[in-house]
Amino acid sequence: MNTAGLDTRVTTNVRDTRGFWRVLLAIVVPIPWLAKGIQYIVLAPASGNSADQIKDWIHDGVYNWVQWLDVVFVVLVVPSIITMAFVSRRGAPLLATAAAIVMGGGFLMVLPLNIGGDPLVWVAARGGYDPTTTGTFIDALADDPRVGLGGLGFITAITIGSILISLALWRSRAVPAWAALLVGLGGLTHPFLSFEHHIHGAGLVVLAIGCAAVSSALLKMSNSEYDLPPF
């Protein structure tokens, strides 16, 4: 018997987990932006230099718990971006791909390059290190070109990246136009709102509200609309 044209693959039962991932990602999407927004709102703006900031934080323990909101942001921001790109990929594949690369890549640049800042100030405050000497070191570290490159990645991600992802969401009609607009405005205006920390954080809360519409879209779609079945 000639079996050259027969499919010899072994069929196995693969559990369909699309519903699980759809719900999980719906939960994840707005969380990092909300966490970072609350961090900005609660945490008073840093002093003009690290020495004064260390002196302030010696008597202020708010960063002791607010720092965990930053951990939530760092862990979940890239999954949130990828999810928004994934939701809009069918209706706007090029925009979704560009957004994932620019926004996701920009935030990934921050992690290894944007060293220093608040964590070092907090360690100095808790350890009782001399504010003047330690502050001078931290300020000098901020002048390192690698730190500047990490900052550039962040600015690119939050401005250009948020515009791209909002256009992808709008073009694909994955979410209502108002939600896509909130995502774009919340990110684009972020660098320009640093004059007041409550307003600075409110911009990211606006972005999180737009992301909540992405969560709603994920929860409303069927598993077949979400992704192909397992095989």
C-alpha atoms as a PDB file:
ATOM      1  CA  MET A   1       0.000   0.000   0.000  1.00  0.00           C
ATOM      2  CA  ASN A   2       1.372   3.429  -0.934  1.00  0.00           C
ATOM      3  CA  THR A   3       1.256   5.809   2.078  1.00  0.00           C
ATOM      4  CA  ALA A   4       3.379   8.615   0.634  1.00  0.00           C
ATOM      5  CA  GLY A   5       0.544  11.126   0.595  1.00  0.00           C
ATOM      6  CA  LEU A   6      -0.947  10.306   3.992  1.00  0.00           C
ATOM      7  CA  ASP A   7      -0.688  12.616   7.028  1.00  0.00           C
ATOM      8  CA  THR A   8       1.237  10.654   9.655  1.00  0.00           C
ATOM      9  CA  ARG A   9       0.976  13.235  12.452  1.00  0.00           C
ATOM     10  CA  VAL A  10      -0.268  11.938  15.793  1.00  0.00           C
ATOM     11  CA  THR A  11      -3.390  13.669  17.035  1.00  0.00           C
ATOM     12  CA  THR A  12      -3.296  14.680  20.713  1.00  0.00           C
ATOM     13  CA  ASN A  13      -5.856  16.385  22.890  1.00  0.00           C
ATOM     14  CA  VAL A  14      -4.640  19.923  23.616  1.00  0.00           C
ATOM     15  CA  ARG A  15      -6.456  21.928  26.254  1.00  0.00           C
ATOM     16  CA  ASP A  16      -8.017  25.117  24.907  1.00  0.00           C
ATOM     17  CA  THR A  17      -6.708  27.912  27.173  1.00  0.00           C
ATOM     18  CA  ARG A  18      -7.773  30.854  25.017  1.00  0.00           C
ATOM     19  CA  GLY A  19     -10.466  31.907  27.473  1.00  0.00           C
ATOM     20  CA  PHE A  20      -7.976  31.908  30.347  1.00  0.00           C
ATOM     21  CA  TRP A  21      -5.443  34.069  28.496  1.00  0.00           C
ATOM     22  CA  ARG A  22      -8.137  36.397  27.195  1.00  0.00           C
ATOM     23  CA  VAL A  23      -9.422  37.118  30.705  1.00  0.00           C
ATOM     24  CA  LEU A  24      -5.934  37.325  32.212  1.00  0.00           C
ATOM     25  CA  LEU A  25      -4.739  39.861  29.637  1.00  0.00           C
ATOM     26  CA  ALA A  26      -7.959  41.847  30.060  1.00  0.00           C
ATOM     27  CA  ILE A  27      -7.091  42.198  33.745  1.00  0.00           C
ATOM     28  CA  VAL A  28      -3.464  43.088  33.057  1.00  0.00           C
ATOM     29  CA  VAL A  29      -3.892  45.812  30.377  1.00  0.00           C
ATOM     30  CA  PRO A  30      -4.813  48.846  32.547  1.00  0.00           C
ATOM     31  CA  ILE A  31      -2.941  47.870  35.728  1.00  0.00           C
ATOM     32  CA  PRO A  32       0.615  49.162  35.005  1.00  0.00           C
ATOM     33  CA  TRP A  33      -0.601  52.578  33.856  1.00  0.00           C
ATOM     34  CA  LEU A  34      -2.922  52.931  36.830  1.00  0.00           C
ATOM     35  CA  ALA A  35      -0.154  51.870  39.228  1.00  0.00           C
ATOM     36  CA  LYS A  36       2.333  54.359  37.799  1.00  0.00           C
ATOM     37  CA  GLY A  37      -0.269  57.117  37.769  1.00  0.00           C
ATOM     38  CA  ILE A  38      -1.081  56.545  41.449  1.00  0.00           C
ATOM     39  CA  GLN A  39       2.642  56.561  42.231  1.00  0.00           C
ATOM     40  CA  TYR A  40       3.051  59.994  40.659  1.00  0.00           C
ATOM     41  CA  ILE A  41      -0.056  61.328  42.417  1.00  0.00           C
ATOM     42  CA  VAL A  42       0.930  60.076  45.886  1.00  0.00           C
ATOM     43  CA  LEU A  43       4.671  60.667  45.759  1.00  0.00           C
ATOM     44  CA  ALA A  44       5.629  64.311  46.158  1.00  0.00           C
ATOM     45  CA  PRO A  45       7.913  65.656  43.437  1.00  0.00           C
ATOM     46  CA  ALA A  46      11.643  65.195  43.917  1.00  0.00           C
ATOM     47  CA  SER A  47      13.747  68.076  45.172  1.00  0.00           C
ATOM     48  CA  GLY A  48      16.009  70.055  42.871  1.00  0.00           C
ATOM     49  CA  ASN A  49      18.959  67.828  43.733  1.00  0.00           C
ATOM     50  CA  SER A  50      19.499  64.409  45.233  1.00  0.00           C
ATOM     51  CA  ALA A  51      21.040  65.731  48.469  1.00  0.00           C
ATOM     52  CA  ASP A  52      17.860  67.637  49.377  1.00  0.00           C
ATOM     53  CA  GLN A  53      15.723  64.672  48.303  1.00  0.00           C
ATOM     54  CA  ILE A  54      17.673  62.372  50.631  1.00  0.00           C
ATOM     55  CA  LYS A  55      17.148  64.824  53.518  1.00  0.00           C
ATOM     56  CA  ASP A  56      13.399  64.939  52.795  1.00  0.00           C
ATOM     57  CA  TRP A  57      13.011  61.174  52.594  1.00  0.00           C
ATOM     58  CA  ILE A  58      14.878  60.552  55.853  1.00  0.00           C
ATOM     59  CA  HIS A  59      11.690  61.772  57.553  1.00  0.00           C
ATOM     60  CA  ASP A  60       9.179  60.578  54.929  1.00  0.00           C
ATOM     61  CA  GLY A  61       8.415  56.866  54.590  1.00  0.00           C
ATOM     62  CA  VAL A  62       5.858  57.102  51.780  1.00  0.00           C
ATOM     63  CA  TYR A  63       8.301  55.731  49.192  1.00  0.00           C
ATOM     64  CA  ASN A  64       8.574  52.554  51.273  1.00  0.00           C
ATOM     65  CA  TRP A  65       5.247  51.356  49.859  1.00  0.00           C
ATOM     66  CA  VAL A  66       4.876  53.514  46.736  1.00  0.00           C
ATOM     67  CA  GLN A  67       7.979  51.837  45.263  1.00  0.00           C
ATOM     68  CA  TRP A  68       5.978  48.615  44.864  1.00  0.00           C
ATOM     69  CA  LEU A  69       3.665  50.383  42.440  1.00  0.00           C
ATOM     70  CA  ASP A  70       6.747  50.991  40.304  1.00  0.00           C
ATOM     71  CA  VAL A  71       7.516  47.260  40.456  1.00  0.00           C
ATOM     72  CA  VAL A  72       3.987  46.533  39.172  1.00  0.00           C
ATOM     73  CA  PHE A  73       4.556  48.972  36.323  1.00  0.00           C
ATOM     74  CA  VAL A  74       7.914  47.500  35.309  1.00  0.00           C
ATOM     75  CA  VAL A  75       6.613  43.913  35.348  1.00  0.00           C
ATOM     76  CA  LEU A  76       3.339  44.504  33.483  1.00  0.00           C
ATOM     77  CA  VAL A  77       3.952  47.422  31.107  1.00  0.00           C
ATOM     78  CA  VAL A  78       5.332  45.352  28.212  1.00  0.00           C
ATOM     79  CA  PRO A  79       2.573  42.676  28.464  1.00  0.00           C
ATOM     80  CA  SER A  80       0.043  45.533  28.446  1.00  0.00           C
ATOM     81  CA  ILE A  81       1.567  47.031  25.286  1.00  0.00           C
ATOM     82  CA  ILE A  82       1.741  43.666  23.519  1.00  0.00           C
ATOM     83  CA  THR A  83      -1.890  42.975  24.409  1.00  0.00           C
ATOM     84  CA  MET A  84      -3.059  46.284  22.912  1.00  0.00           C
ATOM     85  CA  ALA A  85      -1.065  45.529  19.762  1.00  0.00           C
ATOM     86  CA  PHE A  86      -2.490  41.998  19.675  1.00  0.00           C
ATOM     87  CA  VAL A  87      -6.074  43.228  19.918  1.00  0.00           C
ATOM     88  CA  SER A  88      -5.587  45.670  17.025  1.00  0.00           C
ATOM     89  CA  ARG A  89      -3.365  43.457  14.848  1.00  0.00           C
ATOM     90  CA  ARG A  90      -6.062  42.242  12.433  1.00  0.00           C
ATOM     91  CA  GLY A  91      -7.514  45.626  11.570  1.00  0.00           C
ATOM     92  CA  ALA A  92      -4.217  47.539  11.605  1.00  0.00           C
ATOM     93  CA  PRO A  93      -1.310  45.078  11.349  1.00  0.00           C
ATOM     94  CA  LEU A  94       1.397  47.578  10.359  1.00  0.00           C
ATOM     95  CA  LEU A  95       0.448  50.136  12.998  1.00  0.00           C
ATOM     96  CA  ALA A  96       0.141  47.452  15.666  1.00  0.00           C
ATOM     97  CA  THR A  97       3.576  46.050  14.801  1.00  0.00           C
ATOM     98  CA  ALA A  98       5.184  49.499  14.783  1.00  0.00           C
ATOM     99  CA  ALA A  99       3.562  50.340  18.124  1.00  0.00           C
ATOM    100  CA  ALA A 100       4.763  47.106  19.727  1.00  0.00           C
ATOM    101  CA  ILE A 101       8.334  47.709  18.550  1.00  0.00           C
ATOM    102  CA  VAL A 102       8.543  51.431  19.395  1.00  0.00           C
ATOM    103  CA  MET A 103       6.604  51.379  22.658  1.00  0.00           C
ATOM    104  CA  GLY A 104       7.707  47.970  23.925  1.00  0.00           C
ATOM    105  CA  GLY A 105      11.308  48.450  22.825  1.00  0.00           C
ATOM    106  CA  GLY A 106      11.455  51.925  24.342  1.00  0.00           C
ATOM    107  CA  PHE A 107      10.368  50.719  27.755  1.00  0.00           C
ATOM    108  CA  LEU A 108      12.778  47.777  27.600  1.00  0.00           C
ATOM    109  CA  MET A 109      15.591  50.296  27.044  1.00  0.00           C
ATOM    110  CA  VAL A 110      14.736  51.941  30.352  1.00  0.00           C
ATOM    111  CA  LEU A 111      15.221  48.813  32.454  1.00  0.00           C
ATOM    112  CA  PRO A 112      18.987  48.268  32.006  1.00  0.00           C
ATOM    113  CA  LEU A 113      19.994  51.829  31.136  1.00  0.00           C
ATOM    114  CA  ASN A 114      18.019  54.217  33.328  1.00  0.00           C
ATOM    115  CA  ILE A 115      19.939  53.405  36.511  1.00  0.00           C
ATOM    116  CA  GLY A 116      19.942  55.557  39.610  1.00  0.00           C
ATOM    117  CA  GLY A 117      17.168  57.900  40.621  1.00  0.00           C
ATOM    118  CA  ASP A 118      14.678  57.297  43.399  1.00  0.00           C
ATOM    119  CA  PRO A 119      15.878  53.812  44.479  1.00  0.00           C
ATOM    120  CA  LEU A 120      19.385  55.107  45.237  1.00  0.00           C
ATOM    121  CA  VAL A 121      17.967  58.121  47.062  1.00  0.00           C
ATOM    122  CA  TRP A 122      15.781  55.823  49.164  1.00  0.00           C
ATOM    123  CA  VAL A 123      18.690  53.513  50.033  1.00  0.00           C
ATOM    124  CA  ALA A 124      20.747  56.545  51.070  1.00  0.00           C
ATOM    125  CA  ALA A 125      17.897  57.875  53.211  1.00  0.00           C
ATOM    126  CA  ARG A 126      17.280  54.536  54.941  1.00  0.00           C
ATOM    127  CA  GLY A 127      20.997  53.869  55.428  1.00  0.00           C
ATOM    128  CA  GLY A 128      21.679  57.268  56.946  1.00  0.00           C
ATOM    129  CA  TYR A 129      24.386  58.062  54.404  1.00  0.00           C
ATOM    130  CA  ASP A 130      25.712  61.580  54.158  1.00  0.00           C
ATOM    131  CA  PRO A 131      23.212  63.429  51.915  1.00  0.00           C
ATOM    132  CA  THR A 132      25.732  65.803  50.384  1.00  0.00           C
ATOM    133  CA  THR A 133      28.304  63.200  49.350  1.00  0.00           C
ATOM    134  CA  THR A 134      25.777  60.575  48.274  1.00  0.00           C
ATOM    135  CA  GLY A 135      23.638  63.157  46.505  1.00  0.00           C
ATOM    136  CA  THR A 136      26.618  64.373  44.494  1.00  0.00           C
ATOM    137  CA  PHE A 137      27.317  60.793  43.407  1.00  0.00           C
ATOM    138  CA  ILE A 138      23.701  60.186  42.374  1.00  0.00           C
ATOM    139  CA  ASP A 139      23.554  63.431  40.409  1.00  0.00           C
ATOM    140  CA  ALA A 140      26.816  62.532  38.639  1.00  0.00           C
ATOM    141  CA  LEU A 141      25.380  59.114  37.797  1.00  0.00           C
ATOM    142  CA  ALA A 142      22.378  60.796  36.177  1.00  0.00           C
ATOM    143  CA  ASP A 143      24.777  62.532  33.767  1.00  0.00           C
ATOM    144  CA  ASP A 144      26.019  59.196  32.414  1.00  0.00           C
ATOM    145  CA  PRO A 145      25.158  58.905  28.666  1.00  0.00           C
ATOM    146  CA  ARG A 146      23.598  55.478  29.195  1.00  0.00           C
ATOM    147  CA  VAL A 147      21.096  56.964  31.636  1.00  0.00           C
ATOM    148  CA  GLY A 148      20.257  59.612  29.064  1.00  0.00           C
ATOM    149  CA  LEU A 149      19.762  56.909  26.442  1.00  0.00           C
ATOM    150  CA  GLY A 150      17.362  55.089  28.759  1.00  0.00           C
ATOM    151  CA  GLY A 151      15.465  58.332  29.294  1.00  0.00           C
ATOM    152  CA  LEU A 152      15.261  58.821  25.530  1.00  0.00           C
ATOM    153  CA  GLY A 153      13.807  55.321  25.190  1.00  0.00           C
ATOM    154  CA  PHE A 154      11.163  56.148  27.790  1.00  0.00           C
ATOM    155  CA  ILE A 155      10.191  59.449  26.126  1.00  0.00           C
ATOM    156  CA  THR A 156      10.009  57.770  22.714  1.00  0.00           C
ATOM    157  CA  ALA A 157       7.864  54.954  24.076  1.00  0.00           C
ATOM    158  CA  ILE A 158       5.423  57.129  25.999  1.00  0.00           C
ATOM    159  CA  THR A 159       4.955  59.757  23.262  1.00  0.00           C
ATOM    160  CA  ILE A 160       5.439  58.248  19.798  1.00  0.00           C
ATOM    161  CA  GLY A 161       4.577  54.742  20.977  1.00  0.00           C
ATOM    162  CA  SER A 162       1.295  55.799  22.579  1.00  0.00           C
ATOM    163  CA  ILE A 163       0.312  57.668  19.398  1.00  0.00           C
ATOM    164  CA  LEU A 164       1.007  54.578  17.296  1.00  0.00           C
ATOM    165  CA  ILE A 165      -0.907  52.239  19.587  1.00  0.00           C
ATOM    166  CA  SER A 166      -3.880  54.631  19.780  1.00  0.00           C
ATOM    167  CA  LEU A 167      -3.955  54.900  15.981  1.00  0.00           C
ATOM    168  CA  ALA A 168      -3.816  51.103  15.721  1.00  0.00           C
ATOM    169  CA  LEU A 169      -6.713  50.737  18.165  1.00  0.00           C
ATOM    170  CA  TRP A 170      -8.722  53.387  16.297  1.00  0.00           C
ATOM    171  CA  ARG A 171      -7.937  52.104  12.791  1.00  0.00           C
ATOM    172  CA  SER A 172      -8.775  48.521  13.720  1.00  0.00           C
ATOM    173  CA  ARG A 173     -12.003  49.595  15.463  1.00  0.00           C
ATOM    174  CA  ALA A 174     -11.035  47.293  18.308  1.00  0.00           C
ATOM    175  CA  VAL A 175     -12.223  49.919  20.809  1.00  0.00           C
ATOM    176  CA  PRO A 176     -14.419  53.033  20.596  1.00  0.00           C
ATOM    177  CA  ALA A 177     -12.735  56.123  19.178  1.00  0.00           C
ATOM    178  CA  TRP A 178     -12.871  57.900  22.570  1.00  0.00           C
ATOM    179  CA  ALA A 179     -10.906  55.088  24.192  1.00  0.00           C
ATOM    180  CA  ALA A 180      -8.196  55.160  21.534  1.00  0.00           C
ATOM    181  CA  LEU A 181      -8.015  58.938  21.981  1.00  0.00           C
ATOM    182  CA  LEU A 182      -7.516  58.575  25.753  1.00  0.00           C
ATOM    183  CA  VAL A 183      -4.644  56.126  25.210  1.00  0.00           C
ATOM    184  CA  GLY A 184      -2.923  58.549  22.858  1.00  0.00           C
ATOM    185  CA  LEU A 185      -3.515  61.674  24.945  1.00  0.00           C
ATOM    186  CA  GLY A 186      -2.553  60.009  28.218  1.00  0.00           C
ATOM    187  CA  GLY A 187       0.816  58.988  26.826  1.00  0.00           C
ATOM    188  CA  LEU A 188       1.590  61.939  24.561  1.00  0.00           C
ATOM    189  CA  THR A 189       1.030  64.572  27.237  1.00  0.00           C
ATOM    190  CA  HIS A 190       2.952  62.717  29.983  1.00  0.00           C
ATOM    191  CA  PRO A 191       6.372  64.414  29.535  1.00  0.00           C
ATOM    192  CA  PHE A 192       4.752  67.850  29.442  1.00  0.00           C
ATOM    193  CA  LEU A 193       2.805  67.496  32.705  1.00  0.00           C
ATOM    194  CA  SER A 194       5.762  67.128  35.054  1.00  0.00           C
ATOM    195  CA  PHE A 195       5.295  70.647  36.468  1.00  0.00           C
ATOM    196  CA  GLU A 196       2.781  69.243  39.004  1.00  0.00           C
ATOM    197  CA  HIS A 197       2.862  65.655  40.232  1.00  0.00           C
ATOM    198  CA  HIS A 198      -0.920  65.255  40.633  1.00  0.00           C
ATOM    199  CA  ILE A 199      -1.515  66.297  37.026  1.00  0.00           C
ATOM    200  CA  HIS A 200       1.488  64.191  35.967  1.00  0.00           C
ATOM    201  CA  GLY A 201      -0.143  61.099  37.425  1.00  0.00           C
ATOM    202  CA  ALA A 202      -3.622  61.982  36.191  1.00  0.00           C
ATOM    203  CA  GLY A 203      -2.410  61.717  32.585  1.00  0.00           C
ATOM    204  CA  LEU A 204      -1.484  58.068  33.100  1.00  0.00           C
ATOM    205  CA  VAL A 205      -4.815  57.417  34.831  1.00  0.00           C
ATOM    206  CA  VAL A 206      -6.475  58.741  31.656  1.00  0.00           C
ATOM    207  CA  LEU A 207      -4.364  56.260  29.652  1.00  0.00           C
ATOM    208  CA  ALA A 208      -5.482  53.480  32.022  1.00  0.00           C
ATOM    209  CA  ILE A 209      -9.144  54.385  31.389  1.00  0.00           C
ATOM    210  CA  GLY A 210      -8.525  53.984  27.657  1.00  0.00           C
ATOM    211  CA  CYS A 211      -6.895  50.626  28.369  1.00  0.00           C
ATOM    212  CA  ALA A 212      -9.996  49.570  30.297  1.00  0.00           C
ATOM    213  CA  ALA A 213     -11.869  49.726  26.983  1.00  0.00           C
ATOM    214  CA  VAL A 214      -9.317  47.267  25.578  1.00  0.00           C
ATOM    215  CA  SER A 215     -10.071  45.015  28.554  1.00  0.00           C
ATOM    216  CA  SER A 216     -13.785  45.279  27.787  1.00  0.00           C
ATOM    217  CA  ALA A 217     -13.172  44.352  24.155  1.00  0.00           C
ATOM    218  CA  LEU A 218     -11.198  41.280  25.210  1.00  0.00           C
ATOM    219  CA  LEU A 219     -13.927  40.131  27.587  1.00  0.00           C
ATOM    220  CA  LYS A 220     -16.658  40.607  24.976  1.00  0.00           C
ATOM    221  CA  MET A 221     -14.949  38.797  22.100  1.00  0.00           C
ATOM    222  CA  SER A 222     -15.254  35.064  21.611  1.00  0.00           C
ATOM    223  CA  ASN A 223     -12.294  32.713  21.799  1.00  0.00           C
ATOM    224  CA  SER A 224     -12.421  32.341  18.013  1.00  0.00           C
ATOM    225  CA  GLU A 225     -12.167  36.096  17.566  1.00  0.00           C
ATOM    226  CA  TYR A 226      -9.318  36.228  20.054  1.00  0.00           C
ATOM    227  CA  ASP A 227      -7.040  33.618  18.493  1.00  0.00           C
ATOM    228  CA  LEU A 228      -6.875  30.421  16.459  1.00  0.00           C
ATOM    229  CA  PRO A 229      -7.761  27.195  18.283  1.00  0.00           C
ATOM    230  CA  PRO A 230      -4.976  24.895  19.497  1.00  0.00           C
ATOM    231  CA  PHE A 231      -3.892  22.061  17.223  1.00  0.00           C
END
